[in-house]
Amino acid sequence: RDTMQFPEPEGRLADFVRSRRFGTTCIIVIVVNTIFTWYSTNYEVAHLETGVTPLIMHLDQAFVVFYTIELVLKLMVYKLYFFINNDLRWNIFDAVLVALSLTDILLSIAGQSGPGSANVTFMRVLRILKMAKLLRGLRVMRFVTELRLMLNSLLGSLCSLLWSIIMLLLIFYVFGLIFVQGAAIQLNLNKDSMDPADVDRVYKDFGSVEAAMLALYRSCTGGEDWTVFYEVTVLIGSMYSVLYIFFIAFSHIAFLNILTAIFVNRAMQLAKPDKDALAIEHRRKEIEAYEELQALCMDLDTKGTGCISVQDFEAQVRSGRFGARLAVLGLNVVDAEHFFELLLFAAGADATQVSTSDFVEGCMRMRGPATGVDMYRLDKHSRLIFRCLSSFRKESQKKFDVIADILARTLGQSADSDDDSDSKSLMRL
């Protein structure tokens, strides 16, 4: 899911709504409301004649007021972006729950003052609206990552559930059709010689395709022991009893396990943490690595100068324990001297020592395997070097051409002066 960009809310109200304290308060209220709904539902069933007390009604209205205030505060902070951000579905769910709860309260007040026939109609509508109370407890899943992952896995598996049900119906239909046709043949040929109780059992379990499908479903899911229907298939014929045993083995060993594997695979795909959780976890690991490197610097800087020399670094790496701690952080130091030269080069230092801060920063950049960004940076630097060398070659070629022309002209003038002097000598002779 792509991250939607929206203006960052600012102000004291925004800080309050986005604070941990506000979120914790909402979680506590949702949990208390869930427990209260549990109690009020039991009380209402136990006191059908008198109904709920005014205290229960007022407390329920107080919860609705809290949810309404929460929704209004978020709308004031996020405005219309409240319905188009990354929590789009949860925000719409919250808004619908608040709207249903407010409608429930208004209809309750209106129903108390209406005539008898109108009260009946209001009560029917209120029964539907009161279902919103049962859904309030689901809001706690929004704030708990583990529960949200489970809910996403369940919702994401609905499509697989639909196709699994269709596949089950097809298999039950095929086998049920076979057993019903076998039962029809058996009853047509041997009904008079069969015990009436056995005939009734055959009609009950395999007298129709839908009855046979229900019997096969009960035998696969533990609704009935499979031997009960096996005794009925024995009455139909030995071939059908063997086919029934094959159906039980196929459904339990192969088919149901395959469906379970499909659901597990789908759930594993959907149970991945969201981007915010991954970013927080990555940041936490980076901070832990940084703190661990700072602790290693304290072991290297035994003199407290704030600098690390190549001799101290090589001595610590040869000890084994220091190198193992670096390896855990993703720094496999094979050549200590070469590794330290890289740190000096990264820090831009010409001396034989590097500061502890430069040591930590250099190690943080070099830890872990090379990424695509590192390879792209290397490719960029290689292209820049190639361009510089090409430009240098062209400029050098131009300079060499100029020097060659100058030398050619100089040599030509020297040759002409020599020829002139020879001709003058001959004239004198």
Foldseek 3Di string as FASTA:
>chain_A
DDFDDDDDFDDPLSCVLPDPVNVVVLLVLLVVLLVLVVVQVVVCVVCVPVGDDVVSVVVLVVSLVVLVVSLVSVCVRCPPVLCVGPCNPLNVLSVVLSVLSVVLVVLVVVLVPDDDVVVVVSVVVNVVSCVSSVCSNVNSCVVDQQSVLVVQLVVQCVVLVVVLVVVLVVVLLVLLVVLLVLLVVLCVVCVVVDDPVLNVVCCQQNVDSVSVSVLLVCCQPVVDPLVVVLVNLVSSHPVSSVVSVVSNCCSNPPVVVVSVVVSVVSSVVSSDGDPVVVVVVVVVLLVVLLVLLLVLVCVQPVVPPQKHALVSQVVVVVVPVSQVSLVVQQDNPPDSVVLQVQLCVQVVHPDRMDGSVSVSVSSSVPGHDDDPVNVVVVVVVVVVVVVVVVVVVVVVVVVVVVVVVVVVVVVVVVVVVVVVVVVVVVVVD
